[in-house]
Amino acid sequence: MQAVKMYTTAVCPYCIRAKQLLTAKGVAHIEEVRIDIDAQARAHMMEITGRRTVPQIFIGDTHVGGCDDLMALDSQGGLLPLLQA
C-alpha cells in the first residue's frame, strides 16, 4: 500500500472526513503534517500544491488534492488502484 501524507490543521472537518475514507479503504497509517503549528510546513505545502486549504493529500508521489478531490477519485473508482500501486 502506498504511503499517505496529509497536510492538516487541528480542527478541520474535511481532514477528518478524508481520514475516515482512507481508513475505510485500508490505510493503516497517515503521515499528518500540521500546518497550523508549523509555518514552514504551511509555506512548503503552498509551494508544492499551489493551494492554501487543508487537507492536501498525497498518495505516494501523487497529489490527490483536498477532501472533495479524494471523494471524487473514490467515486470514479480511482482511489483503491492508486493506494495499491
Foldseek 3Di string as FASTA:
>chain_A
DFAKEWEDADDDVQQVLQVVVVVVLPDPDYHYHYCVVPVVVQVVCCVVPVDNDDTFMDGHNRTQGTSVSQVVCVVVVNPNVSNVD
